[in-house]
Amino acid sequence: MKPSKSRLIQLIHVGKGKLQWDDAFYREILVHCTGKDSCSKMNAGELNTVLDYMKSKGFTVITKKRAGKGRNSPITRDKDQKTPLDKLRQTWIAMKSRGYLRDGSEEALLNWSKSQAKRLNKGAAVEQLKSWYQREMVTELKDLVPDLRALPLVDEEQHEAKSTVYEHGNFSKCNVEQLEAALAFIGVMLGRYEEATNG
């Protein structure tokens, strides 16, 4: 299955962070590879060209492993009242789905939890993981906002972009839900304009 344009853009932005490219250098690479300075202006083939270039420079796309003991994704139970462990798993799964973890397995969560438990009291591990998750989302949002600004949004979309994304400034005071909403909105807009461009 080929990744969608929005997934390719996410991978490119993760790669930019992993390769520690600043915005100016990143834009130079985009122009070098495709002649375009924004992922939102590229088609899937051009995005793959950029991603291939990043791979040649050391970026590795980590895919979910499906086989082997202990390599399964953590399980989140449907309960009215979630335990701290359920909340920890939920955050871990969300971080993995966004590409922030190399290993999102139950075993990796267990290893991380053990290392945190040595120095933290109960409940603090969830907050520690949420803080990590928030930092990763803020980094990704800072990378994606220029692509959102480059889109020819209609008035209603501009209004929603303002309330969901732009009004948060540098995102430092946002909670997890606000950050997830901003990322989701950007993903929808990038996908919508990809379809309009390609369709």
C-alpha atoms as a PDB file:
ATOM      1  CA  MET A   1       0.000   0.000   0.000  1.00  0.00           C
ATOM      2  CA  LYS A   2       1.414   3.387  -1.034  1.00  0.00           C
ATOM      3  CA  PRO A   3       1.504   6.049   1.688  1.00  0.00           C
ATOM      4  CA  SER A   4      -0.780   9.051   1.183  1.00  0.00           C
ATOM      5  CA  LYS A   5       0.588  12.494   0.495  1.00  0.00           C
ATOM      6  CA  SER A   6      -0.161  13.595   4.068  1.00  0.00           C
ATOM      7  CA  ARG A   7       1.712  10.538   5.437  1.00  0.00           C
ATOM      8  CA  LEU A   8       4.695  11.292   3.170  1.00  0.00           C
ATOM      9  CA  ILE A   9       4.705  14.890   4.423  1.00  0.00           C
ATOM     10  CA  GLN A  10       4.634  13.644   8.019  1.00  0.00           C
ATOM     11  CA  LEU A  11       7.560  11.310   7.318  1.00  0.00           C
ATOM     12  CA  ILE A  12       9.515  14.141   5.697  1.00  0.00           C
ATOM     13  CA  HIS A  13       8.945  16.371   8.715  1.00  0.00           C
ATOM     14  CA  VAL A  14       9.993  13.589  11.076  1.00  0.00           C
ATOM     15  CA  GLY A  15      13.085  13.107   8.904  1.00  0.00           C
ATOM     16  CA  LYS A  16      13.872  16.817   9.045  1.00  0.00           C
ATOM     17  CA  GLY A  17      13.878  16.608  12.834  1.00  0.00           C
ATOM     18  CA  LYS A  18      15.881  13.382  12.996  1.00  0.00           C
ATOM     19  CA  LEU A  19      18.489  14.766  10.581  1.00  0.00           C
ATOM     20  CA  GLN A  20      18.529  18.030  12.592  1.00  0.00           C
ATOM     21  CA  TRP A  21      18.053  20.255   9.567  1.00  0.00           C
ATOM     22  CA  ASP A  22      17.124  23.883  10.228  1.00  0.00           C
ATOM     23  CA  ASP A  23      14.270  25.383   8.223  1.00  0.00           C
ATOM     24  CA  ALA A  24      16.480  27.235   5.729  1.00  0.00           C
ATOM     25  CA  PHE A  25      18.558  24.145   4.917  1.00  0.00           C
ATOM     26  CA  TYR A  26      15.407  22.009   4.723  1.00  0.00           C
ATOM     27  CA  ARG A  27      13.843  24.391   2.179  1.00  0.00           C
ATOM     28  CA  GLU A  28      17.084  24.348   0.132  1.00  0.00           C
ATOM     29  CA  ILE A  29      16.904  20.540   0.006  1.00  0.00           C
ATOM     30  CA  LEU A  30      13.268  20.666  -1.126  1.00  0.00           C
ATOM     31  CA  VAL A  31      14.187  23.051  -3.953  1.00  0.00           C
ATOM     32  CA  HIS A  32      17.258  20.974  -4.845  1.00  0.00           C
ATOM     33  CA  CYS A  33      15.196  17.754  -5.075  1.00  0.00           C
ATOM     34  CA  THR A  34      12.011  19.085  -6.689  1.00  0.00           C
ATOM     35  CA  GLY A  35      12.304  22.777  -7.561  1.00  0.00           C
ATOM     36  CA  LYS A  36       9.569  23.498  -4.978  1.00  0.00           C
ATOM     37  CA  ASP A  37      10.059  25.023  -1.511  1.00  0.00           C
ATOM     38  CA  SER A  38       7.072  23.435   0.271  1.00  0.00           C
ATOM     39  CA  CYS A  39       5.810  19.882   0.603  1.00  0.00           C
ATOM     40  CA  SER A  40       2.226  21.081   0.124  1.00  0.00           C
ATOM     41  CA  LYS A  41       3.113  22.104  -3.454  1.00  0.00           C
ATOM     42  CA  MET A  42       4.512  18.660  -4.322  1.00  0.00           C
ATOM     43  CA  ASN A  43       2.869  15.569  -5.744  1.00  0.00           C
ATOM     44  CA  ALA A  44       3.445  12.094  -4.277  1.00  0.00           C
ATOM     45  CA  GLY A  45       6.333  11.347  -6.660  1.00  0.00           C
ATOM     46  CA  GLU A  46       8.164  14.515  -5.639  1.00  0.00           C
ATOM     47  CA  LEU A  47       7.572  13.786  -1.957  1.00  0.00           C
ATOM     48  CA  ASN A  48       9.032  10.313  -2.457  1.00  0.00           C
ATOM     49  CA  THR A  49      12.071  11.910  -4.119  1.00  0.00           C
ATOM     50  CA  VAL A  50      12.618  14.085  -1.036  1.00  0.00           C
ATOM     51  CA  LEU A  51      12.093  11.124   1.281  1.00  0.00           C
ATOM     52  CA  ASP A  52      14.564   9.011  -0.720  1.00  0.00           C
ATOM     53  CA  TYR A  53      17.119  11.829  -0.475  1.00  0.00           C
ATOM     54  CA  MET A  54      16.620  11.948   3.305  1.00  0.00           C
ATOM     55  CA  LYS A  55      17.107   8.184   3.484  1.00  0.00           C
ATOM     56  CA  SER A  56      20.368   8.560   1.557  1.00  0.00           C
ATOM     57  CA  LYS A  57      21.477  11.007   4.266  1.00  0.00           C
ATOM     58  CA  GLY A  58      20.773   8.571   7.101  1.00  0.00           C
ATOM     59  CA  PHE A  59      17.065   8.943   7.901  1.00  0.00           C
ATOM     60  CA  THR A  60      15.406   5.600   8.556  1.00  0.00           C
ATOM     61  CA  VAL A  61      11.649   5.157   8.314  1.00  0.00           C
ATOM     62  CA  ILE A  62      10.606   2.881  11.131  1.00  0.00           C
ATOM     63  CA  THR A  63       7.600   0.708  10.418  1.00  0.00           C
ATOM     64  CA  LYS A  64       5.436  -1.149  12.871  1.00  0.00           C
ATOM     65  CA  LYS A  65       6.629  -4.689  13.462  1.00  0.00           C
ATOM     66  CA  ARG A  66       3.812  -7.201  13.436  1.00  0.00           C
ATOM     67  CA  ALA A  67       5.496 -10.512  14.245  1.00  0.00           C
ATOM     68  CA  GLY A  68       7.485 -11.940  17.099  1.00  0.00           C
ATOM     69  CA  LYS A  69       6.996 -12.305  20.829  1.00  0.00           C
ATOM     70  CA  GLY A  70       6.592  -9.025  22.679  1.00  0.00           C
ATOM     71  CA  ARG A  71       6.552  -6.993  19.467  1.00  0.00           C
ATOM     72  CA  ASN A  72       2.838  -6.254  19.433  1.00  0.00           C
ATOM     73  CA  SER A  73       1.388  -2.825  19.997  1.00  0.00           C
ATOM     74  CA  PRO A  74       0.233  -2.180  23.567  1.00  0.00           C
ATOM     75  CA  ILE A  75      -3.415  -2.994  24.220  1.00  0.00           C
ATOM     76  CA  THR A  76      -5.788  -0.295  25.411  1.00  0.00           C
ATOM     77  CA  ARG A  77      -8.926  -1.577  27.082  1.00  0.00           C
ATOM     78  CA  ASP A  78     -12.322   0.104  26.715  1.00  0.00           C
ATOM     79  CA  LYS A  79     -13.247   1.038  30.253  1.00  0.00           C
ATOM     80  CA  ASP A  80     -15.338   3.738  31.838  1.00  0.00           C
ATOM     81  CA  GLN A  81     -12.504   4.563  34.179  1.00  0.00           C
ATOM     82  CA  LYS A  82      -9.012   4.043  32.835  1.00  0.00           C
ATOM     83  CA  THR A  83      -6.169   3.099  35.135  1.00  0.00           C
ATOM     84  CA  PRO A  84      -2.880   5.016  35.034  1.00  0.00           C
ATOM     85  CA  LEU A  85      -1.417   2.091  33.054  1.00  0.00           C
ATOM     86  CA  ASP A  86      -4.228   2.358  30.473  1.00  0.00           C
ATOM     87  CA  LYS A  87      -3.517   6.097  30.135  1.00  0.00           C
ATOM     88  CA  LEU A  88       0.175   5.348  29.740  1.00  0.00           C
ATOM     89  CA  ARG A  89      -0.577   2.809  26.985  1.00  0.00           C
ATOM     90  CA  GLN A  90      -2.935   5.225  25.224  1.00  0.00           C
ATOM     91  CA  THR A  91      -0.266   7.942  25.114  1.00  0.00           C
ATOM     92  CA  TRP A  92       2.395   5.410  24.033  1.00  0.00           C
ATOM     93  CA  ILE A  93       0.214   4.195  21.140  1.00  0.00           C
ATOM     94  CA  ALA A  94      -0.501   7.778  20.040  1.00  0.00           C
ATOM     95  CA  MET A  95       3.232   8.605  20.070  1.00  0.00           C
ATOM     96  CA  LYS A  96       3.987   5.505  17.984  1.00  0.00           C
ATOM     97  CA  SER A  97       1.271   6.292  15.450  1.00  0.00           C
ATOM     98  CA  ARG A  98       2.818   9.737  14.903  1.00  0.00           C
ATOM     99  CA  GLY A  99       6.292   8.251  14.379  1.00  0.00           C
ATOM    100  CA  TYR A 100       7.865   9.614  17.594  1.00  0.00           C
ATOM    101  CA  LEU A 101       9.019   6.178  18.815  1.00  0.00           C
ATOM    102  CA  ARG A 102      11.384   3.744  17.164  1.00  0.00           C
ATOM    103  CA  ASP A 103       9.763   0.840  18.988  1.00  0.00           C
ATOM    104  CA  GLY A 104       6.120   1.139  20.012  1.00  0.00           C
ATOM    105  CA  SER A 105       5.775  -2.417  21.303  1.00  0.00           C
ATOM    106  CA  GLU A 106       4.427  -3.523  24.675  1.00  0.00           C
ATOM    107  CA  GLU A 107       7.939  -4.673  25.578  1.00  0.00           C
ATOM    108  CA  ALA A 108       9.390  -1.221  24.840  1.00  0.00           C
ATOM    109  CA  LEU A 109       6.672   0.415  26.948  1.00  0.00           C
ATOM    110  CA  LEU A 110       7.442  -1.998  29.773  1.00  0.00           C
ATOM    111  CA  ASN A 111      11.175  -1.231  29.571  1.00  0.00           C
ATOM    112  CA  TRP A 112      10.527   2.509  29.519  1.00  0.00           C
ATOM    113  CA  SER A 113       8.115   2.193  32.466  1.00  0.00           C
ATOM    114  CA  LYS A 114      10.632   0.222  34.524  1.00  0.00           C
ATOM    115  CA  SER A 115      13.322   2.830  33.971  1.00  0.00           C
ATOM    116  CA  GLN A 116      10.899   5.606  34.949  1.00  0.00           C
ATOM    117  CA  ALA A 117       9.594   3.726  37.988  1.00  0.00           C
ATOM    118  CA  LYS A 118      13.061   3.644  39.477  1.00  0.00           C
ATOM    119  CA  ARG A 119      13.028   7.408  39.873  1.00  0.00           C
ATOM    120  CA  LEU A 120       9.380   8.451  39.817  1.00  0.00           C
ATOM    121  CA  ASN A 121       6.418   7.962  42.130  1.00  0.00           C
ATOM    122  CA  LYS A 122       3.034   6.687  40.936  1.00  0.00           C
ATOM    123  CA  GLY A 123       1.224   8.919  38.435  1.00  0.00           C
ATOM    124  CA  ALA A 124       4.362  10.824  37.536  1.00  0.00           C
ATOM    125  CA  ALA A 125       5.268   8.398  34.729  1.00  0.00           C
ATOM    126  CA  VAL A 126       2.054   9.292  32.876  1.00  0.00           C
ATOM    127  CA  GLU A 127       2.854  13.004  33.157  1.00  0.00           C
ATOM    128  CA  GLN A 128       6.454  12.384  32.077  1.00  0.00           C
ATOM    129  CA  LEU A 129       5.270  10.513  28.967  1.00  0.00           C
ATOM    130  CA  LYS A 130       2.651  13.185  28.203  1.00  0.00           C
ATOM    131  CA  SER A 131       5.321  15.901  28.441  1.00  0.00           C
ATOM    132  CA  TRP A 132       7.500  13.987  25.997  1.00  0.00           C
ATOM    133  CA  TYR A 133       4.517  13.521  23.669  1.00  0.00           C
ATOM    134  CA  GLN A 134       3.712  17.247  23.863  1.00  0.00           C
ATOM    135  CA  ARG A 135       7.310  18.229  23.036  1.00  0.00           C
ATOM    136  CA  GLU A 136       7.306  15.959  19.977  1.00  0.00           C
ATOM    137  CA  MET A 137       3.953  17.318  18.750  1.00  0.00           C
ATOM    138  CA  VAL A 138       5.123  20.936  19.206  1.00  0.00           C
ATOM    139  CA  THR A 139       8.211  20.179  17.100  1.00  0.00           C
ATOM    140  CA  GLU A 140       6.092  18.586  14.370  1.00  0.00           C
ATOM    141  CA  LEU A 141       3.606  21.477  14.388  1.00  0.00           C
ATOM    142  CA  LYS A 142       6.363  24.046  14.007  1.00  0.00           C
ATOM    143  CA  ASP A 143       7.499  22.116  10.925  1.00  0.00           C
ATOM    144  CA  LEU A 144       3.990  21.803   9.433  1.00  0.00           C
ATOM    145  CA  VAL A 145       2.642  25.341  10.010  1.00  0.00           C
ATOM    146  CA  PRO A 146       4.575  26.829   7.033  1.00  0.00           C
ATOM    147  CA  ASP A 147       3.003  24.180   4.778  1.00  0.00           C
ATOM    148  CA  LEU A 148      -0.462  25.048   6.127  1.00  0.00           C
ATOM    149  CA  ARG A 149       0.169  28.771   5.565  1.00  0.00           C
ATOM    150  CA  ALA A 150       1.110  28.011   1.929  1.00  0.00           C
ATOM    151  CA  LEU A 151      -2.299  26.444   1.203  1.00  0.00           C
ATOM    152  CA  PRO A 152      -4.975  28.569  -0.542  1.00  0.00           C
ATOM    153  CA  LEU A 153      -7.517  28.103   2.270  1.00  0.00           C
ATOM    154  CA  VAL A 154     -11.057  29.458   1.825  1.00  0.00           C
ATOM    155  CA  ASP A 155     -12.479  31.838   4.454  1.00  0.00           C
ATOM    156  CA  GLU A 156     -14.081  29.123   6.598  1.00  0.00           C
ATOM    157  CA  GLU A 157     -10.870  27.072   6.575  1.00  0.00           C
ATOM    158  CA  GLN A 158      -8.816  30.192   7.389  1.00  0.00           C
ATOM    159  CA  HIS A 159     -11.082  30.856  10.374  1.00  0.00           C
ATOM    160  CA  GLU A 160     -10.671  27.288  11.614  1.00  0.00           C
ATOM    161  CA  ALA A 161      -6.898  27.419  10.995  1.00  0.00           C
ATOM    162  CA  LYS A 162      -6.732  30.573  13.079  1.00  0.00           C
ATOM    163  CA  SER A 163      -8.682  29.111  16.016  1.00  0.00           C
ATOM    164  CA  THR A 164      -7.144  25.620  15.863  1.00  0.00           C
ATOM    165  CA  VAL A 165      -3.541  26.410  14.913  1.00  0.00           C
ATOM    166  CA  TYR A 166      -2.426  30.024  14.529  1.00  0.00           C
ATOM    167  CA  GLU A 167      -3.836  31.422  17.813  1.00  0.00           C
ATOM    168  CA  HIS A 168      -1.648  29.041  19.792  1.00  0.00           C
ATOM    169  CA  GLY A 169       1.516  30.912  18.789  1.00  0.00           C
ATOM    170  CA  ASN A 170       4.505  28.684  19.516  1.00  0.00           C
ATOM    171  CA  PHE A 171       2.222  26.002  21.085  1.00  0.00           C
ATOM    172  CA  SER A 172       4.073  26.118  24.439  1.00  0.00           C
ATOM    173  CA  LYS A 173       0.891  26.563  26.484  1.00  0.00           C
ATOM    174  CA  CYS A 174      -1.194  23.933  24.649  1.00  0.00           C
ATOM    175  CA  ASN A 175      -2.444  20.737  26.234  1.00  0.00           C
ATOM    176  CA  VAL A 176      -2.330  17.338  24.509  1.00  0.00           C
ATOM    177  CA  GLU A 177      -5.868  17.660  23.127  1.00  0.00           C
ATOM    178  CA  GLN A 178      -5.170  21.081  21.557  1.00  0.00           C
ATOM    179  CA  LEU A 179      -1.947  19.813  19.974  1.00  0.00           C
ATOM    180  CA  GLU A 180      -3.655  16.691  18.606  1.00  0.00           C
ATOM    181  CA  ALA A 181      -6.491  18.860  17.210  1.00  0.00           C
ATOM    182  CA  ALA A 182      -3.988  21.179  15.485  1.00  0.00           C
ATOM    183  CA  LEU A 183      -2.115  18.231  13.942  1.00  0.00           C
ATOM    184  CA  ALA A 184      -5.373  16.613  12.839  1.00  0.00           C
ATOM    185  CA  PHE A 185      -6.578  19.851  11.223  1.00  0.00           C
ATOM    186  CA  ILE A 186      -3.303  20.324   9.336  1.00  0.00           C
ATOM    187  CA  GLY A 187      -3.424  16.688   8.170  1.00  0.00           C
ATOM    188  CA  VAL A 188      -6.981  17.124   6.873  1.00  0.00           C
ATOM    189  CA  MET A 189      -6.116  20.365   5.055  1.00  0.00           C
ATOM    190  CA  LEU A 190      -2.980  18.912   3.465  1.00  0.00           C
ATOM    191  CA  GLY A 191      -4.951  15.849   2.381  1.00  0.00           C
ATOM    192  CA  ARG A 192      -7.852  17.939   1.030  1.00  0.00           C
ATOM    193  CA  TYR A 193      -5.613  20.162  -1.069  1.00  0.00           C
ATOM    194  CA  GLU A 194      -3.589  17.152  -2.239  1.00  0.00           C
ATOM    195  CA  GLU A 195      -6.810  15.608  -3.575  1.00  0.00           C
ATOM    196  CA  ALA A 196      -7.830  18.904  -5.210  1.00  0.00           C
ATOM    197  CA  THR A 197      -4.412  19.196  -6.869  1.00  0.00           C
ATOM    198  CA  ASN A 198      -4.242  15.569  -8.006  1.00  0.00           C
ATOM    199  CA  GLY A 199      -7.946  14.980  -8.603  1.00  0.00           C
END
